[in-house]
Amino acid sequence: ALAQHGSSAVASAQAAAGAMATAVGEVAAVELAGGLSPDRAVQYTLVFNSFVLMQLFNQVNSRKIHDEPDVLSGLGQQRLFLGILVLEAALQVAIVQVGGRAFSTVPLSGGQWAACVGFGALTLLARHALRAIPTEPPAPGGPPGSASGPAPHRQGSSSNGSSGKALGAASGAVARPVQAARVLLHEAAAATVHAVERAASAAVLLGGWRANQDSAVTA
């Protein structure tokens, strides 16, 4: 009976120690993230990290300014660019993992980092999607294959009027795809924010479930 009572006391003490350690960890996480709750701190850190990584990947897109299809060509030869990119990535890792109260962040796991990198790499795909939108004005004389050829050249005011109409039509043809690209980019950004928030919520729920399972096993 004494042995059974002693083992029960030890189990109770272990359970109390586990609960105290969990509480201390939660308080430390709150203090580390600038007063946020642990779940909210993880979610905010995931969103912040994903957007910073999007900017880093978009720097690779910005290497090409003449609408070249391959943004990775010649990347290995630009050592200065790669050095700056690696330095920025290292600073971001330091801010997230050890930034703590100064940046209101909490350390992320390997899986959470992989998810953030995946969201950041979506900017490379977004560039290819935007390139698929036509922005060139139509050729003079109508679309290719049309039966009617270009209008004959006229002298005087009629020529100026035709040139003005052609310029207006070309400007409208260019403005419409640009507006469509802006709308598409806005919708893609909104969808990305929504996806990041859902992924962050899922990661928080998964972490809470694992913590509950560990507590149940310990108890």
C-alpha atoms as a PDB file:
ATOM      1  CA  ALA A   1       0.000   0.000   0.000  1.00  0.00           C
ATOM      2  CA  LEU A   2       2.837   2.373   0.838  1.00  0.00           C
ATOM      3  CA  ALA A   3       4.529   1.552  -2.476  1.00  0.00           C
ATOM      4  CA  GLN A   4       1.301   2.175  -4.385  1.00  0.00           C
ATOM      5  CA  HIS A   5       0.755   5.449  -2.524  1.00  0.00           C
ATOM      6  CA  GLY A   6       4.346   6.469  -3.251  1.00  0.00           C
ATOM      7  CA  SER A   7       4.027   5.719  -6.992  1.00  0.00           C
ATOM      8  CA  SER A   8       0.791   7.717  -7.133  1.00  0.00           C
ATOM      9  CA  ALA A   9       2.486  10.647  -5.428  1.00  0.00           C
ATOM     10  CA  VAL A  10       5.365  10.474  -7.919  1.00  0.00           C
ATOM     11  CA  ALA A  11       2.941  10.382 -10.866  1.00  0.00           C
ATOM     12  CA  SER A  12       1.056  13.365  -9.460  1.00  0.00           C
ATOM     13  CA  ALA A  13       4.288  15.269  -8.999  1.00  0.00           C
ATOM     14  CA  GLN A  14       5.338  14.497 -12.574  1.00  0.00           C
ATOM     15  CA  ALA A  15       1.967  15.659 -13.912  1.00  0.00           C
ATOM     16  CA  ALA A  16       2.208  18.871 -11.892  1.00  0.00           C
ATOM     17  CA  ALA A  17       5.745  19.472 -13.141  1.00  0.00           C
ATOM     18  CA  GLY A  18       4.620  18.910 -16.745  1.00  0.00           C
ATOM     19  CA  ALA A  19       1.722  21.348 -16.340  1.00  0.00           C
ATOM     20  CA  MET A  20       4.044  23.904 -14.761  1.00  0.00           C
ATOM     21  CA  ALA A  21       6.547  23.517 -17.601  1.00  0.00           C
ATOM     22  CA  THR A  22       3.776  23.988 -20.173  1.00  0.00           C
ATOM     23  CA  ALA A  23       2.542  27.105 -18.394  1.00  0.00           C
ATOM     24  CA  VAL A  24       6.051  28.513 -18.151  1.00  0.00           C
ATOM     25  CA  GLY A  25       6.595  27.819 -21.860  1.00  0.00           C
ATOM     26  CA  GLU A  26       3.384  29.610 -22.773  1.00  0.00           C
ATOM     27  CA  VAL A  27       4.278  32.611 -20.639  1.00  0.00           C
ATOM     28  CA  ALA A  28       7.743  32.713 -22.207  1.00  0.00           C
ATOM     29  CA  ALA A  29       6.209  32.571 -25.676  1.00  0.00           C
ATOM     30  CA  VAL A  30       3.872  35.436 -24.814  1.00  0.00           C
ATOM     31  CA  GLU A  31       6.754  37.544 -23.520  1.00  0.00           C
ATOM     32  CA  LEU A  32       8.917  36.566 -26.501  1.00  0.00           C
ATOM     33  CA  ALA A  33       6.283  37.642 -29.027  1.00  0.00           C
ATOM     34  CA  GLY A  34       5.613  41.035 -27.504  1.00  0.00           C
ATOM     35  CA  GLY A  35       2.528  40.131 -25.474  1.00  0.00           C
ATOM     36  CA  LEU A  36       0.686  38.064 -28.123  1.00  0.00           C
ATOM     37  CA  SER A  37      -0.869  34.724 -27.329  1.00  0.00           C
ATOM     38  CA  PRO A  38       1.215  31.729 -28.496  1.00  0.00           C
ATOM     39  CA  ASP A  39      -1.203  30.743 -31.271  1.00  0.00           C
ATOM     40  CA  ARG A  40      -1.547  34.309 -32.536  1.00  0.00           C
ATOM     41  CA  ALA A  41       2.219  34.848 -32.362  1.00  0.00           C
ATOM     42  CA  VAL A  42       2.865  31.804 -34.548  1.00  0.00           C
ATOM     43  CA  GLN A  43       0.221  32.905 -37.046  1.00  0.00           C
ATOM     44  CA  TYR A  44       1.605  36.441 -37.304  1.00  0.00           C
ATOM     45  CA  THR A  45       5.143  35.120 -37.651  1.00  0.00           C
ATOM     46  CA  LEU A  46       4.084  32.828 -40.507  1.00  0.00           C
ATOM     47  CA  VAL A  47       2.386  35.670 -42.373  1.00  0.00           C
ATOM     48  CA  PHE A  48       5.313  38.052 -41.816  1.00  0.00           C
ATOM     49  CA  ASN A  49       7.872  35.456 -42.889  1.00  0.00           C
ATOM     50  CA  SER A  50       5.917  34.494 -46.020  1.00  0.00           C
ATOM     51  CA  PHE A  51       5.666  38.090 -47.222  1.00  0.00           C
ATOM     52  CA  VAL A  52       9.366  38.775 -46.658  1.00  0.00           C
ATOM     53  CA  LEU A  53      10.269  35.627 -48.598  1.00  0.00           C
ATOM     54  CA  MET A  54       7.941  36.757 -51.393  1.00  0.00           C
ATOM     55  CA  GLN A  55       9.992  39.943 -51.635  1.00  0.00           C
ATOM     56  CA  LEU A  56      13.231  37.959 -51.760  1.00  0.00           C
ATOM     57  CA  PHE A  57      11.946  35.764 -54.594  1.00  0.00           C
ATOM     58  CA  ASN A  58      10.602  38.834 -56.388  1.00  0.00           C
ATOM     59  CA  GLN A  59      14.128  40.235 -56.419  1.00  0.00           C
ATOM     60  CA  VAL A  60      14.981  37.326 -58.712  1.00  0.00           C
ATOM     61  CA  ASN A  61      12.086  38.383 -60.958  1.00  0.00           C
ATOM     62  CA  SER A  62      13.414  41.946 -60.985  1.00  0.00           C
ATOM     63  CA  ARG A  63      16.683  40.843 -62.593  1.00  0.00           C
ATOM     64  CA  LYS A  64      14.928  40.836 -65.972  1.00  0.00           C
ATOM     65  CA  ILE A  65      13.416  44.120 -67.107  1.00  0.00           C
ATOM     66  CA  HIS A  66      12.751  43.355 -70.794  1.00  0.00           C
ATOM     67  CA  ASP A  67      10.203  40.572 -70.257  1.00  0.00           C
ATOM     68  CA  GLU A  68      12.688  37.750 -70.729  1.00  0.00           C
ATOM     69  CA  PRO A  69      11.094  34.327 -70.129  1.00  0.00           C
ATOM     70  CA  ASP A  70      13.852  32.830 -67.935  1.00  0.00           C
ATOM     71  CA  VAL A  71      14.621  34.873 -64.820  1.00  0.00           C
ATOM     72  CA  LEU A  72      17.198  32.349 -63.605  1.00  0.00           C
ATOM     73  CA  SER A  73      19.533  32.583 -66.604  1.00  0.00           C
ATOM     74  CA  GLY A  74      22.936  33.917 -65.608  1.00  0.00           C
ATOM     75  CA  LEU A  75      22.057  33.928 -61.924  1.00  0.00           C
ATOM     76  CA  GLY A  76      25.195  32.023 -60.940  1.00  0.00           C
ATOM     77  CA  GLN A  77      27.421  34.664 -62.534  1.00  0.00           C
ATOM     78  CA  GLN A  78      26.056  37.548 -60.457  1.00  0.00           C
ATOM     79  CA  ARG A  79      27.987  37.005 -57.254  1.00  0.00           C
ATOM     80  CA  LEU A  80      27.182  40.404 -55.761  1.00  0.00           C
ATOM     81  CA  PHE A  81      23.454  39.835 -56.219  1.00  0.00           C
ATOM     82  CA  LEU A  82      23.682  36.351 -54.730  1.00  0.00           C
ATOM     83  CA  GLY A  83      25.693  37.657 -51.773  1.00  0.00           C
ATOM     84  CA  ILE A  84      23.097  40.330 -51.022  1.00  0.00           C
ATOM     85  CA  LEU A  85      20.276  37.800 -51.387  1.00  0.00           C
ATOM     86  CA  VAL A  86      21.957  35.334 -49.019  1.00  0.00           C
ATOM     87  CA  LEU A  87      22.628  38.111 -46.504  1.00  0.00           C
ATOM     88  CA  GLU A  88      18.972  39.188 -46.572  1.00  0.00           C
ATOM     89  CA  ALA A  89      17.821  35.591 -46.130  1.00  0.00           C
ATOM     90  CA  ALA A  90      20.207  35.095 -43.191  1.00  0.00           C
ATOM     91  CA  LEU A  91      18.934  38.270 -41.522  1.00  0.00           C
ATOM     92  CA  GLN A  92      15.360  37.079 -41.970  1.00  0.00           C
ATOM     93  CA  VAL A  93      16.187  33.731 -40.354  1.00  0.00           C
ATOM     94  CA  ALA A  94      17.805  35.550 -37.430  1.00  0.00           C
ATOM     95  CA  ILE A  95      14.821  37.896 -37.022  1.00  0.00           C
ATOM     96  CA  VAL A  96      12.341  35.016 -36.960  1.00  0.00           C
ATOM     97  CA  GLN A  97      14.291  32.521 -34.901  1.00  0.00           C
ATOM     98  CA  VAL A  98      15.939  34.802 -32.337  1.00  0.00           C
ATOM     99  CA  GLY A  99      14.226  38.158 -32.894  1.00  0.00           C
ATOM    100  CA  GLY A 100      11.826  37.579 -30.046  1.00  0.00           C
ATOM    101  CA  ARG A 101      10.322  40.600 -28.358  1.00  0.00           C
ATOM    102  CA  ALA A 102      12.136  43.118 -30.571  1.00  0.00           C
ATOM    103  CA  PHE A 103      10.319  41.901 -33.705  1.00  0.00           C
ATOM    104  CA  SER A 104       7.298  40.172 -32.068  1.00  0.00           C
ATOM    105  CA  THR A 105       8.219  36.811 -33.619  1.00  0.00           C
ATOM    106  CA  VAL A 106       8.497  33.239 -32.391  1.00  0.00           C
ATOM    107  CA  PRO A 107      10.784  30.491 -33.742  1.00  0.00           C
ATOM    108  CA  LEU A 108       9.284  28.377 -36.538  1.00  0.00           C
ATOM    109  CA  SER A 109       9.723  24.684 -37.185  1.00  0.00           C
ATOM    110  CA  GLY A 110      11.217  23.162 -40.332  1.00  0.00           C
ATOM    111  CA  GLY A 111       7.805  22.383 -41.790  1.00  0.00           C
ATOM    112  CA  GLN A 112       6.593  25.923 -41.179  1.00  0.00           C
ATOM    113  CA  TRP A 113       9.698  27.318 -42.876  1.00  0.00           C
ATOM    114  CA  ALA A 114       9.089  25.029 -45.861  1.00  0.00           C
ATOM    115  CA  ALA A 115       5.529  26.334 -46.159  1.00  0.00           C
ATOM    116  CA  CYS A 116       6.747  29.957 -46.058  1.00  0.00           C
ATOM    117  CA  VAL A 117       9.362  29.263 -48.743  1.00  0.00           C
ATOM    118  CA  GLY A 118       6.669  27.650 -50.901  1.00  0.00           C
ATOM    119  CA  PHE A 119       4.441  30.716 -50.627  1.00  0.00           C
ATOM    120  CA  GLY A 120       7.412  32.958 -51.430  1.00  0.00           C
ATOM    121  CA  ALA A 121       8.252  30.965 -54.558  1.00  0.00           C
ATOM    122  CA  LEU A 122       4.723  31.597 -55.871  1.00  0.00           C
ATOM    123  CA  THR A 123       5.957  35.022 -57.039  1.00  0.00           C
ATOM    124  CA  LEU A 124       8.003  33.253 -59.740  1.00  0.00           C
ATOM    125  CA  LEU A 125       4.846  31.541 -61.000  1.00  0.00           C
ATOM    126  CA  ALA A 126       2.895  34.803 -60.768  1.00  0.00           C
ATOM    127  CA  ARG A 127       5.371  36.450 -63.137  1.00  0.00           C
ATOM    128  CA  HIS A 128       4.891  33.712 -65.731  1.00  0.00           C
ATOM    129  CA  ALA A 129       1.114  34.076 -65.401  1.00  0.00           C
ATOM    130  CA  LEU A 130       1.331  37.839 -65.968  1.00  0.00           C
ATOM    131  CA  ARG A 131       3.550  37.311 -69.027  1.00  0.00           C
ATOM    132  CA  ALA A 132       0.754  35.286 -70.618  1.00  0.00           C
ATOM    133  CA  ILE A 133      -1.442  38.409 -70.767  1.00  0.00           C
ATOM    134  CA  PRO A 134      -1.018  40.108 -74.179  1.00  0.00           C
ATOM    135  CA  THR A 135       0.105  43.727 -74.010  1.00  0.00           C
ATOM    136  CA  GLU A 136       1.129  44.401 -77.637  1.00  0.00           C
ATOM    137  CA  PRO A 137      -1.121  46.708 -79.702  1.00  0.00           C
ATOM    138  CA  PRO A 138      -2.843  45.150 -82.751  1.00  0.00           C
ATOM    139  CA  ALA A 139      -1.064  45.344 -86.084  1.00  0.00           C
ATOM    140  CA  PRO A 140      -2.240  48.031 -88.534  1.00  0.00           C
ATOM    141  CA  GLY A 141      -4.985  46.837 -90.853  1.00  0.00           C
ATOM    142  CA  GLY A 142      -6.766  44.578 -88.368  1.00  0.00           C
ATOM    143  CA  PRO A 143      -5.924  41.141 -86.999  1.00  0.00           C
ATOM    144  CA  PRO A 144      -3.834  38.707 -89.048  1.00  0.00           C
ATOM    145  CA  GLY A 145      -5.796  36.835 -91.688  1.00  0.00           C
ATOM    146  CA  SER A 146      -8.505  39.465 -92.079  1.00  0.00           C
ATOM    147  CA  ALA A 147      -9.787  40.058 -95.608  1.00  0.00           C
ATOM    148  CA  SER A 148      -9.486  43.820 -95.488  1.00  0.00           C
ATOM    149  CA  GLY A 149      -6.000  45.205 -95.915  1.00  0.00           C
ATOM    150  CA  PRO A 150      -4.590  48.414 -94.511  1.00  0.00           C
ATOM    151  CA  ALA A 151      -6.381  51.605 -95.415  1.00  0.00           C
ATOM    152  CA  PRO A 152      -4.785  53.597 -98.241  1.00  0.00           C
ATOM    153  CA  HIS A 153      -2.635  56.508 -97.219  1.00  0.00           C
ATOM    154  CA  ARG A 154      -4.313  59.885 -97.515  1.00  0.00           C
ATOM    155  CA  GLN A 155      -2.781  63.303 -97.510  1.00  0.00           C
ATOM    156  CA  GLY A 156      -3.656  66.280 -95.366  1.00  0.00           C
ATOM    157  CA  SER A 157      -6.019  66.361 -92.447  1.00  0.00           C
ATOM    158  CA  SER A 158      -7.493  62.940 -93.192  1.00  0.00           C
ATOM    159  CA  SER A 159      -4.054  61.381 -92.639  1.00  0.00           C
ATOM    160  CA  ASN A 160      -3.680  63.187 -89.306  1.00  0.00           C
ATOM    161  CA  GLY A 161      -7.150  62.082 -88.247  1.00  0.00           C
ATOM    162  CA  SER A 162      -6.403  58.481 -89.152  1.00  0.00           C
ATOM    163  CA  SER A 163      -3.131  58.617 -87.231  1.00  0.00           C
ATOM    164  CA  GLY A 164      -4.919  60.021 -84.181  1.00  0.00           C
ATOM    165  CA  LYS A 165      -7.556  57.288 -84.315  1.00  0.00           C
ATOM    166  CA  ALA A 166      -4.905  54.613 -84.727  1.00  0.00           C
ATOM    167  CA  LEU A 167      -2.961  56.012 -81.780  1.00  0.00           C
ATOM    168  CA  GLY A 168      -6.112  56.121 -79.653  1.00  0.00           C
ATOM    169  CA  ALA A 169      -6.990  52.537 -80.586  1.00  0.00           C
ATOM    170  CA  ALA A 170      -3.461  51.370 -79.820  1.00  0.00           C
ATOM    171  CA  SER A 171      -3.507  53.162 -76.461  1.00  0.00           C
ATOM    172  CA  GLY A 172      -6.830  51.555 -75.588  1.00  0.00           C
ATOM    173  CA  ALA A 173      -5.562  48.144 -76.654  1.00  0.00           C
ATOM    174  CA  VAL A 174      -2.559  48.536 -74.368  1.00  0.00           C
ATOM    175  CA  ALA A 175      -4.528  49.973 -71.451  1.00  0.00           C
ATOM    176  CA  ARG A 176      -7.051  47.138 -71.291  1.00  0.00           C
ATOM    177  CA  PRO A 177      -4.504  44.317 -70.747  1.00  0.00           C
ATOM    178  CA  VAL A 178      -2.597  46.459 -68.240  1.00  0.00           C
ATOM    179  CA  GLN A 179      -5.801  47.039 -66.272  1.00  0.00           C
ATOM    180  CA  ALA A 180      -6.585  43.325 -66.450  1.00  0.00           C
ATOM    181  CA  ALA A 181      -3.078  42.545 -65.198  1.00  0.00           C
ATOM    182  CA  ARG A 182      -3.546  44.897 -62.251  1.00  0.00           C
ATOM    183  CA  VAL A 183      -6.846  43.258 -61.331  1.00  0.00           C
ATOM    184  CA  LEU A 184      -5.284  39.807 -61.652  1.00  0.00           C
ATOM    185  CA  LEU A 185      -2.333  40.804 -59.499  1.00  0.00           C
ATOM    186  CA  HIS A 186      -4.643  42.262 -56.840  1.00  0.00           C
ATOM    187  CA  GLU A 187      -6.745  39.092 -56.787  1.00  0.00           C
ATOM    188  CA  ALA A 188      -3.640  36.909 -56.639  1.00  0.00           C
ATOM    189  CA  ALA A 189      -2.292  38.925 -53.695  1.00  0.00           C
ATOM    190  CA  ALA A 190      -5.615  38.655 -51.847  1.00  0.00           C
ATOM    191  CA  ALA A 191      -5.772  34.906 -52.512  1.00  0.00           C
ATOM    192  CA  THR A 192      -2.194  34.505 -51.299  1.00  0.00           C
ATOM    193  CA  VAL A 193      -2.924  36.375 -48.058  1.00  0.00           C
ATOM    194  CA  HIS A 194      -5.985  34.197 -47.490  1.00  0.00           C
ATOM    195  CA  ALA A 195      -4.007  31.026 -48.181  1.00  0.00           C
ATOM    196  CA  VAL A 196      -1.193  32.082 -45.830  1.00  0.00           C
ATOM    197  CA  GLU A 197      -3.671  32.838 -43.046  1.00  0.00           C
ATOM    198  CA  ARG A 198      -5.394  29.462 -43.523  1.00  0.00           C
ATOM    199  CA  ALA A 199      -2.044  27.658 -43.511  1.00  0.00           C
ATOM    200  CA  ALA A 200      -0.997  29.527 -40.378  1.00  0.00           C
ATOM    201  CA  SER A 201      -4.254  28.606 -38.638  1.00  0.00           C
ATOM    202  CA  ALA A 202      -3.818  24.963 -39.666  1.00  0.00           C
ATOM    203  CA  ALA A 203      -0.254  24.951 -38.337  1.00  0.00           C
ATOM    204  CA  VAL A 204      -1.402  26.436 -35.042  1.00  0.00           C
ATOM    205  CA  LEU A 205      -4.180  23.855 -34.695  1.00  0.00           C
ATOM    206  CA  LEU A 206      -1.758  21.035 -35.494  1.00  0.00           C
ATOM    207  CA  GLY A 207       0.692  22.316 -32.896  1.00  0.00           C
ATOM    208  CA  GLY A 208      -2.060  22.506 -30.281  1.00  0.00           C
ATOM    209  CA  TRP A 209      -3.202  18.982 -31.078  1.00  0.00           C
ATOM    210  CA  ARG A 210       0.323  17.636 -30.734  1.00  0.00           C
ATOM    211  CA  ALA A 211       0.757  19.452 -27.425  1.00  0.00           C
ATOM    212  CA  ASN A 212      -2.478  17.921 -26.121  1.00  0.00           C
ATOM    213  CA  GLN A 213      -1.356  14.473 -27.245  1.00  0.00           C
ATOM    214  CA  ASP A 214       2.001  14.911 -25.509  1.00  0.00           C
ATOM    215  CA  SER A 215       0.239  16.059 -22.328  1.00  0.00           C
ATOM    216  CA  ALA A 216      -2.102  13.061 -22.458  1.00  0.00           C
ATOM    217  CA  VAL A 217       0.836  10.677 -22.885  1.00  0.00           C
ATOM    218  CA  THR A 218       2.706  12.339 -20.031  1.00  0.00           C
ATOM    219  CA  ALA A 219      -0.333  12.159 -17.776  1.00  0.00           C
END
